[in-house]
Amino acid sequence: MPNPPFLLSDEVADALEAGRPVVALESTIISHGLPRPRNLEAAGEFEAILRDAGVVPATVAVLDGVPRVGLDGTGVERIANEDMAKASIRDLPVLAARGASAATTVAATTHLAALAGVRVFATGGLGGVHRGASATFDESADLVALAEHPVAVVSAGVKSVLDIGATLERLETLSVPVVGYGTTAFPSFWLPTSGFDLDWRVDGPEEVAAILRAQDAAPEDGRPRPGLVVANPVPEAEGWDRAEHDRVLAEAFAAAEAANVRGKAVTPFLLSFIVTASGGTSLEVNLALARNNVRVAAAIATAYAAAR
């Protein structure tokens, strides 16, 4: 067993043993990314999308000190309704020692999914390199997790409040492959494009499954196996109007500067400001892109399971 140990739900364990498709879902989007009670509704919706596609959902969280891959209804309700911290990989032993509960970030979810043998993970957006990181060294642990765990993460890129160019450079340095799903344009979460292009495009789940199989077949050389970023843009009709996006973002950065917000507090401040200043539009786009990512992840997991 890994340290700390983790628990698989019976449903997820049975699916993995039988080779049926499974998709991991993070819990931070439920506990911290959406308001109550909308968050519980969304959690149920994400799992329902997977089940309707014949895929087993594996929502990941830490409950009472134990990392869990696959939650029952009570577990999902706890994530949605209890006030919990966000847990990255480094926090797991502390939570285990204290018997505490937490929602898992992209990094922690990727780590636990890899330990469980879940190959595909759907989220909203990745963490990345923050603006001004050359002075603050503020970089998400998501990037290193992707370099060290063989999990395909379907996301709508990274939020436009981050340094997207630097994030892509770091992924290249860490040898994490990035493919655009139906596009060569890297998305920026609320928007389907970011102004940065990708080297590789895939046009269907079978192409992604083939990449995963090629990764599986690579010879062991003692180094951690990287994952795969599947950059899946929000559909044009469901994305945010670019002019409004740019206006609200400029207001958010100006407000953070005026309030002298610094360091790790900047991004939470910006995101909270953006939700309010957009009149909830950013939140609706967030939900739309998350649903889209879950659907694409379901198709990839199904293709991968069929090929195996």
Protein backbone atom coordinates (compact mmCIF):
# COMPACT_ATOMS: atom_id res chain seq x y z
CA MET A 1 0.00 0.00 0.00
CA PRO A 2 1.20 3.54 -0.68
CA ASN A 3 1.86 5.94 2.16
CA PRO A 4 -0.65 7.28 3.06
CA PRO A 5 -3.01 4.46 2.04
CA PHE A 6 -6.01 5.11 -0.14
CA LEU A 7 -9.37 3.45 -0.54
CA LEU A 8 -11.05 2.52 -3.79
CA SER A 9 -14.81 2.42 -3.86
CA ASP A 10 -16.18 -1.03 -4.71
CA GLU A 11 -17.57 0.33 -7.96
CA VAL A 12 -14.24 1.77 -9.09
CA ALA A 13 -12.30 -1.31 -7.96
CA ASP A 14 -14.63 -3.64 -9.88
CA ALA A 15 -14.41 -1.48 -13.02
CA LEU A 16 -10.60 -1.35 -12.93
CA GLU A 17 -10.33 -5.09 -12.39
CA ALA A 18 -12.70 -5.77 -15.30
CA GLY A 19 -10.97 -3.26 -17.59
CA ARG A 20 -14.05 -1.04 -17.88
CA PRO A 21 -13.61 2.73 -18.46
CA VAL A 22 -13.08 4.94 -15.41
CA VAL A 23 -12.62 8.72 -15.22
CA ALA A 24 -11.26 10.55 -12.18
CA LEU A 25 -12.89 13.81 -11.06
CA GLU A 26 -11.35 16.32 -8.67
CA SER A 27 -13.23 17.59 -5.64
CA THR A 28 -11.78 21.11 -5.33
CA ILE A 29 -14.06 22.37 -8.09
CA ILE A 30 -16.98 21.23 -5.92
CA SER A 31 -15.73 22.45 -2.54
CA HIS A 32 -14.10 25.71 -3.62
CA GLY A 33 -14.95 26.42 -7.24
CA LEU A 34 -18.74 26.65 -7.12
CA PRO A 35 -21.24 28.18 -4.67
CA ARG A 36 -23.65 26.11 -2.60
CA PRO A 37 -26.02 24.43 -3.49
CA ARG A 38 -24.96 24.69 -7.13
CA ASN A 39 -21.81 22.74 -6.35
CA LEU A 40 -23.69 19.61 -5.23
CA GLU A 41 -25.90 19.77 -8.32
CA ALA A 42 -22.81 20.05 -10.52
CA ALA A 43 -21.08 17.12 -8.79
CA GLY A 44 -24.11 14.94 -9.48
CA GLU A 45 -24.26 16.18 -13.05
CA PHE A 46 -20.60 15.39 -13.76
CA GLU A 47 -20.99 11.86 -12.45
CA ALA A 48 -24.26 11.41 -14.38
CA ILE A 49 -22.57 12.44 -17.65
CA LEU A 50 -20.04 9.67 -17.12
CA ARG A 51 -22.57 7.03 -16.12
CA ASP A 52 -24.77 7.85 -19.11
CA ALA A 53 -21.72 7.22 -21.31
CA GLY A 54 -21.08 3.86 -19.63
CA VAL A 55 -18.10 5.17 -17.66
CA VAL A 56 -17.53 4.78 -13.91
CA PRO A 57 -16.90 8.09 -12.10
CA ALA A 58 -14.08 8.19 -9.57
CA THR A 59 -14.46 11.43 -7.63
CA VAL A 60 -11.34 11.88 -5.49
CA ALA A 61 -11.12 13.45 -2.01
CA VAL A 62 -9.66 12.90 1.45
CA LEU A 63 -12.25 12.01 4.09
CA ASP A 64 -11.27 11.58 7.73
CA GLY A 65 -7.61 11.29 6.79
CA VAL A 66 -8.06 8.64 4.11
CA PRO A 67 -7.63 9.46 0.41
CA ARG A 68 -10.54 8.01 -1.52
CA VAL A 69 -10.83 7.25 -5.22
CA GLY A 70 -14.55 7.01 -5.80
CA LEU A 71 -17.13 8.52 -3.45
CA ASP A 72 -20.64 7.43 -2.55
CA GLY A 73 -23.49 9.93 -2.29
CA THR A 74 -22.69 10.76 1.31
CA GLY A 75 -19.06 11.47 0.44
CA VAL A 76 -20.02 13.81 -2.40
CA GLU A 77 -22.43 15.65 -0.07
CA ARG A 78 -19.66 16.09 2.48
CA ILE A 79 -17.37 17.64 -0.12
CA ALA A 80 -20.12 19.99 -1.22
CA ASN A 81 -21.43 21.02 2.20
CA GLU A 82 -18.55 20.87 4.68
CA ASP A 83 -15.90 23.58 4.93
CA MET A 84 -12.72 21.82 3.84
CA ALA A 85 -9.18 22.77 2.96
CA LYS A 86 -7.67 22.15 -0.46
CA ALA A 87 -5.11 19.34 -0.42
CA SER A 88 -2.14 19.03 -2.74
CA ILE A 89 0.19 16.02 -2.74
CA ARG A 90 2.36 17.35 0.08
CA ASP A 91 -0.68 17.67 2.37
CA LEU A 92 -1.76 14.02 2.23
CA PRO A 93 0.47 12.73 5.08
CA VAL A 94 -0.58 15.65 7.33
CA LEU A 95 -4.26 14.92 6.70
CA ALA A 96 -3.66 11.23 7.37
CA ALA A 97 -1.93 11.95 10.68
CA ARG A 98 -4.75 14.26 11.81
CA GLY A 99 -7.66 12.27 10.43
CA ALA A 100 -8.76 15.42 8.62
CA SER A 101 -10.77 15.88 5.44
CA ALA A 102 -9.96 17.93 2.34
CA ALA A 103 -10.82 18.36 -1.31
CA THR A 104 -8.06 17.38 -3.72
CA THR A 105 -6.43 19.72 -6.21
CA VAL A 106 -5.49 18.71 -9.74
CA ALA A 107 -2.04 17.67 -8.45
CA ALA A 108 -3.37 15.48 -5.63
CA THR A 109 -6.12 14.02 -7.81
CA THR A 110 -3.57 13.14 -10.51
CA HIS A 111 -1.33 11.51 -7.89
CA LEU A 112 -4.12 9.41 -6.38
CA ALA A 113 -5.59 8.49 -9.75
CA ALA A 114 -2.18 7.22 -10.84
CA LEU A 115 -1.78 5.14 -7.68
CA ALA A 116 -5.19 3.60 -8.30
CA GLY A 117 -4.49 2.90 -11.97
CA VAL A 118 -7.03 5.39 -13.35
CA ARG A 119 -5.64 6.63 -16.66
CA VAL A 120 -8.01 9.52 -17.50
CA PHE A 121 -8.97 12.55 -15.40
CA ALA A 122 -11.36 15.41 -16.22
CA THR A 123 -11.07 18.83 -14.64
CA GLY A 124 -11.91 22.44 -15.44
CA GLY A 125 -8.56 24.15 -15.84
CA LEU A 126 -4.98 23.37 -14.87
CA GLY A 127 -2.88 25.38 -12.49
CA GLY A 128 0.22 26.91 -14.00
CA VAL A 129 2.88 29.57 -13.75
CA HIS A 130 1.54 32.74 -12.16
CA ARG A 131 2.17 36.21 -13.54
CA GLY A 132 5.22 37.65 -11.86
CA ALA A 133 6.56 34.19 -11.00
CA SER A 134 10.10 35.31 -11.84
CA ALA A 135 9.97 37.27 -8.59
CA THR A 136 7.55 35.19 -6.50
CA PHE A 137 8.39 31.66 -7.75
CA ASP A 138 4.64 31.03 -7.68
CA GLU A 139 4.01 27.95 -9.77
CA SER A 140 1.30 25.34 -9.36
CA ALA A 141 2.23 21.85 -8.21
CA ASP A 142 -0.09 20.62 -10.98
CA LEU A 143 2.76 20.94 -13.50
CA VAL A 144 5.20 18.72 -11.61
CA ALA A 145 2.43 16.21 -10.88
CA LEU A 146 1.75 15.94 -14.61
CA ALA A 147 5.45 15.26 -15.20
CA GLU A 148 5.54 12.43 -12.67
CA HIS A 149 2.20 10.59 -13.05
CA PRO A 150 0.89 8.76 -16.14
CA VAL A 151 -2.58 10.30 -16.22
CA ALA A 152 -4.25 12.03 -19.17
CA VAL A 153 -5.82 15.25 -17.89
CA VAL A 154 -8.58 16.78 -19.97
CA SER A 155 -8.82 20.51 -19.27
CA ALA A 156 -9.77 23.79 -20.93
CA GLY A 157 -6.18 24.98 -20.69
CA VAL A 158 -5.31 27.31 -17.83
CA LYS A 159 -7.10 30.38 -16.54
CA SER A 160 -6.23 33.59 -18.35
CA VAL A 161 -5.16 35.20 -15.05
CA LEU A 162 -2.01 33.03 -15.26
CA ASP A 163 1.07 33.37 -17.44
CA ILE A 164 0.03 31.02 -20.23
CA GLY A 165 3.23 31.30 -22.25
CA ALA A 166 5.39 30.50 -19.24
CA THR A 167 3.08 27.59 -18.33
CA LEU A 168 3.52 26.02 -21.77
CA GLU A 169 7.28 26.52 -21.53
CA ARG A 170 7.36 24.73 -18.17
CA LEU A 171 5.31 21.83 -19.53
CA GLU A 172 7.82 21.51 -22.38
CA THR A 173 10.75 21.59 -19.96
CA LEU A 174 9.07 18.92 -17.82
CA SER A 175 8.53 16.75 -20.93
CA VAL A 176 4.76 16.73 -20.55
CA PRO A 177 3.09 16.29 -23.96
CA VAL A 178 0.24 18.68 -24.76
CA VAL A 179 -2.28 18.00 -27.53
CA GLY A 180 -5.16 20.15 -28.68
CA TYR A 181 -8.49 18.35 -28.94
CA GLY A 182 -9.78 19.34 -32.37
CA THR A 183 -7.51 22.39 -32.43
CA THR A 184 -3.92 23.60 -32.49
CA ALA A 185 -4.86 26.68 -30.41
CA PHE A 186 -4.22 26.36 -26.68
CA PRO A 187 -7.38 27.45 -24.83
CA SER A 188 -7.47 29.86 -21.91
CA PHE A 189 -10.28 28.44 -19.80
CA TRP A 190 -13.13 30.93 -20.36
CA LEU A 191 -11.99 31.50 -23.96
CA PRO A 192 -11.37 28.85 -26.65
CA THR A 193 -8.05 30.42 -27.64
CA SER A 194 -5.13 32.09 -25.88
CA GLY A 195 -2.90 33.35 -28.68
CA PHE A 196 -0.54 30.38 -28.18
CA ASP A 197 -0.39 27.49 -30.63
CA LEU A 198 0.36 23.84 -30.02
CA ASP A 199 2.53 21.45 -31.98
CA TRP A 200 0.04 18.60 -31.90
CA ARG A 201 -3.66 18.20 -32.64
CA VAL A 202 -5.91 15.17 -32.13
CA ASP A 203 -9.33 14.83 -33.69
CA GLY A 204 -10.99 12.13 -31.65
CA PRO A 205 -10.77 9.91 -28.58
CA GLU A 206 -9.16 7.05 -30.47
CA GLU A 207 -6.15 9.24 -31.26
CA VAL A 208 -5.73 10.09 -27.59
CA ALA A 209 -6.11 6.43 -26.62
CA ALA A 210 -3.36 5.55 -29.10
CA ILE A 211 -1.04 8.06 -27.43
CA LEU A 212 -1.81 6.54 -24.03
CA ARG A 213 -1.06 3.06 -25.37
CA ALA A 214 2.25 4.32 -26.78
CA GLN A 215 3.11 5.77 -23.36
CA ASP A 216 2.21 2.45 -21.74
CA ALA A 217 4.49 0.59 -24.14
CA ALA A 218 7.52 2.83 -23.56
CA PRO A 219 10.37 0.92 -21.88
CA GLU A 220 10.97 1.49 -18.19
CA ASP A 221 14.06 3.61 -17.58
CA GLY A 222 13.69 4.32 -13.87
CA ARG A 223 12.30 7.81 -14.35
CA PRO A 224 8.73 8.89 -13.49
CA ARG A 225 6.33 8.48 -16.39
CA PRO A 226 4.69 11.74 -17.51
CA GLY A 227 1.02 12.26 -18.10
CA LEU A 228 -0.70 13.93 -21.02
CA VAL A 229 -2.48 17.28 -21.25
CA VAL A 230 -5.53 17.15 -23.50
CA ALA A 231 -6.35 20.81 -24.14
CA ASN A 232 -10.08 20.87 -24.86
CA PRO A 233 -11.45 24.35 -25.64
CA VAL A 234 -14.84 25.46 -24.40
CA PRO A 235 -17.25 25.42 -27.37
CA GLU A 236 -17.39 28.81 -29.07
CA ALA A 237 -21.11 29.22 -28.37
CA GLU A 238 -20.59 28.56 -24.65
CA GLY A 239 -17.45 30.65 -24.14
CA TRP A 240 -17.23 34.13 -22.67
CA ASP A 241 -17.46 37.17 -24.90
CA ARG A 242 -13.84 38.19 -25.43
CA ALA A 243 -14.38 41.95 -25.05
CA GLU A 244 -16.24 41.48 -21.76
CA HIS A 245 -13.63 38.98 -20.60
CA ASP A 246 -10.80 41.43 -21.28
CA ARG A 247 -12.63 44.30 -19.55
CA VAL A 248 -13.41 42.31 -16.41
CA LEU A 249 -9.90 40.88 -16.25
CA ALA A 250 -8.37 44.36 -16.45
CA GLU A 251 -10.68 45.53 -13.66
CA ALA A 252 -9.70 42.52 -11.56
CA PHE A 253 -5.96 43.15 -11.88
CA ALA A 254 -6.46 46.85 -11.13
CA ALA A 255 -8.50 45.98 -8.03
CA ALA A 256 -5.82 43.57 -6.80
CA GLU A 257 -3.15 46.23 -7.26
CA ALA A 258 -5.23 48.84 -5.46
CA ALA A 259 -5.85 46.45 -2.56
CA ASN A 260 -2.12 45.60 -2.43
CA VAL A 261 -2.89 41.89 -2.73
CA ARG A 262 0.31 39.88 -3.03
CA GLY A 263 1.61 36.33 -3.30
CA LYS A 264 -0.69 33.36 -2.96
CA ALA A 265 -3.66 35.62 -2.21
CA VAL A 266 -3.67 37.12 -5.71
CA THR A 267 -5.37 34.34 -7.67
CA PRO A 268 -8.23 33.72 -5.18
CA PHE A 269 -8.80 37.48 -5.07
CA LEU A 270 -8.90 37.73 -8.88
CA LEU A 271 -11.24 34.78 -9.33
CA SER A 272 -13.66 36.03 -6.67
CA PHE A 273 -13.64 39.50 -8.20
CA ILE A 274 -14.23 38.08 -11.69
CA VAL A 275 -17.29 36.08 -10.63
CA THR A 276 -18.87 39.18 -9.07
CA ALA A 277 -17.85 41.63 -11.78
CA SER A 278 -19.10 39.34 -14.55
CA GLY A 279 -22.51 38.98 -12.92
CA GLY A 280 -21.99 35.22 -12.74
CA THR A 281 -21.13 34.82 -16.41
CA SER A 282 -17.68 33.44 -15.64
CA LEU A 283 -19.28 30.84 -13.38
CA GLU A 284 -21.66 29.65 -16.10
CA VAL A 285 -18.79 29.34 -18.57
CA ASN A 286 -16.85 27.40 -15.93
CA LEU A 287 -19.69 24.90 -15.66
CA ALA A 288 -20.06 24.62 -19.43
CA LEU A 289 -16.39 23.87 -20.02
CA ALA A 290 -16.27 21.40 -17.13
CA ARG A 291 -19.21 19.46 -18.60
CA ASN A 292 -17.49 19.47 -21.98
CA ASN A 293 -14.27 18.15 -20.47
CA VAL A 294 -16.13 15.35 -18.68
CA ARG A 295 -17.78 14.29 -21.96
CA VAL A 296 -14.46 14.22 -23.81
CA ALA A 297 -12.78 12.34 -20.95
CA ALA A 298 -15.58 9.75 -21.05
CA ALA A 299 -14.98 9.19 -24.76
CA ILE A 300 -11.22 8.88 -24.26
CA ALA A 301 -11.57 6.44 -21.36
CA THR A 302 -14.00 4.33 -23.40
CA ALA A 303 -11.64 4.22 -26.38
CA TYR A 304 -8.69 3.37 -24.14
CA ALA A 305 -10.57 0.55 -22.38
CA ALA A 306 -11.76 -0.87 -25.72
CA ALA A 307 -8.22 -0.89 -27.10
CA ARG A 308 -6.92 -2.73 -24.06
